[in-house]
Protein backbone atom coordinates (compact mmCIF):
# COMPACT_ATOMS: atom_id res chain seq x y z
CA MET A 1 26.86 17.04 -33.01
CA HIS A 2 26.49 17.73 -29.63
CA GLY A 3 26.81 14.75 -27.98
CA ALA A 4 24.83 11.91 -27.02
CA VAL A 5 20.91 12.57 -26.21
CA GLN A 6 19.75 10.41 -23.41
CA ARG A 7 16.29 9.18 -24.34
CA GLY A 8 15.76 8.05 -20.52
CA PRO A 9 16.54 6.84 -16.85
CA ASP A 10 19.82 4.21 -17.38
CA ARG A 11 18.01 0.53 -16.67
CA ARG A 12 21.30 -0.88 -16.41
CA SER A 13 22.25 1.46 -13.27
CA TRP A 14 21.38 0.00 -9.56
CA ARG A 15 19.41 3.27 -8.62
CA TYR A 16 16.75 2.46 -11.29
CA ARG A 17 16.95 -1.02 -9.84
CA ALA A 18 16.67 -0.42 -6.55
CA ASN A 19 13.71 2.43 -7.31
CA VAL A 20 11.49 -0.18 -9.54
CA ALA A 21 12.83 -3.08 -6.74
CA ALA A 22 11.34 -0.40 -3.75
CA ARG A 23 8.22 0.06 -5.79
CA THR A 24 7.68 -3.02 -6.25
CA LEU A 25 8.13 -4.01 -2.83
CA ALA A 26 5.91 -1.04 -1.80
CA GLY A 27 3.18 -2.16 -4.51
CA THR A 28 3.21 -5.40 -3.34
CA ILE A 29 3.65 -6.56 -0.20
CA GLY A 30 2.61 -3.55 1.40
CA ALA A 31 -0.63 -3.56 -0.22
CA TYR A 32 -1.42 -6.64 0.94
CA VAL A 33 -0.26 -5.85 4.48
CA VAL A 34 -2.56 -2.21 3.89
CA ALA A 35 -5.07 -4.48 2.60
CA ALA A 36 -5.63 -6.45 5.92
CA LEU A 37 -5.11 -3.60 8.32
CA PHE A 38 -7.59 -2.21 5.92
CA GLY A 39 -10.12 -4.80 6.58
CA ALA A 40 -9.53 -5.73 10.20
CA ALA A 41 -10.15 -2.14 11.70
CA LEU A 42 -12.89 -1.87 9.65
CA ALA A 43 -14.65 -5.26 10.74
CA ARG A 44 -14.36 -3.80 14.16
CA ILE A 45 -15.82 -0.55 12.96
CA LEU A 46 -18.67 -1.37 11.01
CA PRO A 47 -21.56 -1.37 12.99
CA MET A 48 -23.59 -4.82 12.12
CA GLU A 49 -23.25 -8.16 13.01
CA ARG A 50 -20.09 -9.76 13.19
CA LEU A 51 -20.00 -11.64 10.17
CA GLU A 52 -21.55 -9.51 7.96
CA ALA A 53 -18.95 -6.79 9.21
CA THR A 54 -15.90 -8.75 8.35
CA VAL A 55 -17.21 -9.91 5.00
CA VAL A 56 -17.94 -5.98 3.71
CA ALA A 57 -14.88 -5.02 4.72
CA THR A 58 -12.68 -7.85 2.92
CA LEU A 59 -14.49 -7.04 0.14
CA LEU A 60 -13.41 -3.48 0.20
CA ALA A 61 -9.76 -4.37 1.23
CA PHE A 62 -9.84 -6.24 -2.50
CA LEU A 63 -10.27 -2.11 -3.63
CA VAL A 64 -7.62 -1.15 -1.28
CA ALA A 65 -4.48 -3.45 -2.47
CA PRO A 66 -4.73 -2.37 -6.31
CA ALA A 67 -5.19 0.83 -4.93
CA VAL A 68 -2.14 0.76 -2.81
CA THR A 69 0.16 -0.82 -5.86
CA VAL A 70 -0.47 2.27 -8.06
CA TRP A 71 -0.07 4.57 -5.29
CA ALA A 72 3.37 2.77 -5.00
CA TYR A 73 4.18 3.22 -8.43
CA LEU A 74 2.88 6.56 -8.90
CA ALA A 75 4.22 8.06 -6.18
CA ARG A 76 7.18 10.91 -6.36
CA GLY A 77 9.77 8.89 -5.69
CA PRO A 78 10.48 5.40 -4.20
CA TRP A 79 11.22 6.60 -0.25
CA ARG A 80 7.39 8.58 -0.69
CA ALA A 81 6.23 5.45 -1.95
CA VAL A 82 8.02 3.47 1.12
CA ALA A 83 7.25 5.67 3.38
CA GLY A 84 3.13 6.40 2.95
CA VAL A 85 2.42 2.93 2.27
CA ILE A 86 4.41 2.56 6.40
CA GLY A 87 2.38 5.60 7.36
CA LEU A 88 -0.77 3.72 6.11
CA ALA A 89 -0.17 0.45 7.58
CA ALA A 90 0.69 2.11 10.80
CA PHE A 91 -2.34 4.71 10.99
CA LEU A 92 -4.44 1.68 10.51
CA ALA A 93 -3.38 -0.97 12.75
CA GLY A 94 -3.21 1.43 15.21
CA LEU A 95 -6.63 1.87 14.21
CA ALA A 96 -8.30 -1.67 14.35
CA TRP A 97 -6.11 -1.40 18.25
CA TYR A 98 -8.23 1.81 19.09
CA ALA A 99 -11.48 -0.16 17.86
CA GLY A 100 -10.72 -2.99 20.42
CA PRO A 101 -11.58 -7.01 19.35
CA PRO A 102 -14.20 -7.52 16.89
CA ALA A 103 -18.08 -7.64 18.46
C-alpha cells in the first residue's frame, strides 16, 4: 500500500469547523439581515399604498432569506460567503436609505 487515502476533509480540524461556522452565521443571521433590508428597501420603492407595498415586500423577503442561506453554503469559500452577504446587506441598506422614508 502506498499510504492512507484521504476521503474528504477532516471534520475534526478547526479549519473545517470554522468553515462550517462562518457559513452557518452567514446563512442564518446574514440571511435574516438581508431579508429584512430587502423588505425595507422594496417597501419604499414599490409604487403602491404603504400597507400593500409592505405586505408584498415582506412576502418576497421570505423568498430571499432561503436563497441567501443556500448561496452561503454554495459559495467557493467561507470568506466569500460572508463578504457576499455583507456586501448585499450594505447595498440594500444604501438603497433603503436612498429611497427615503415610506410614503
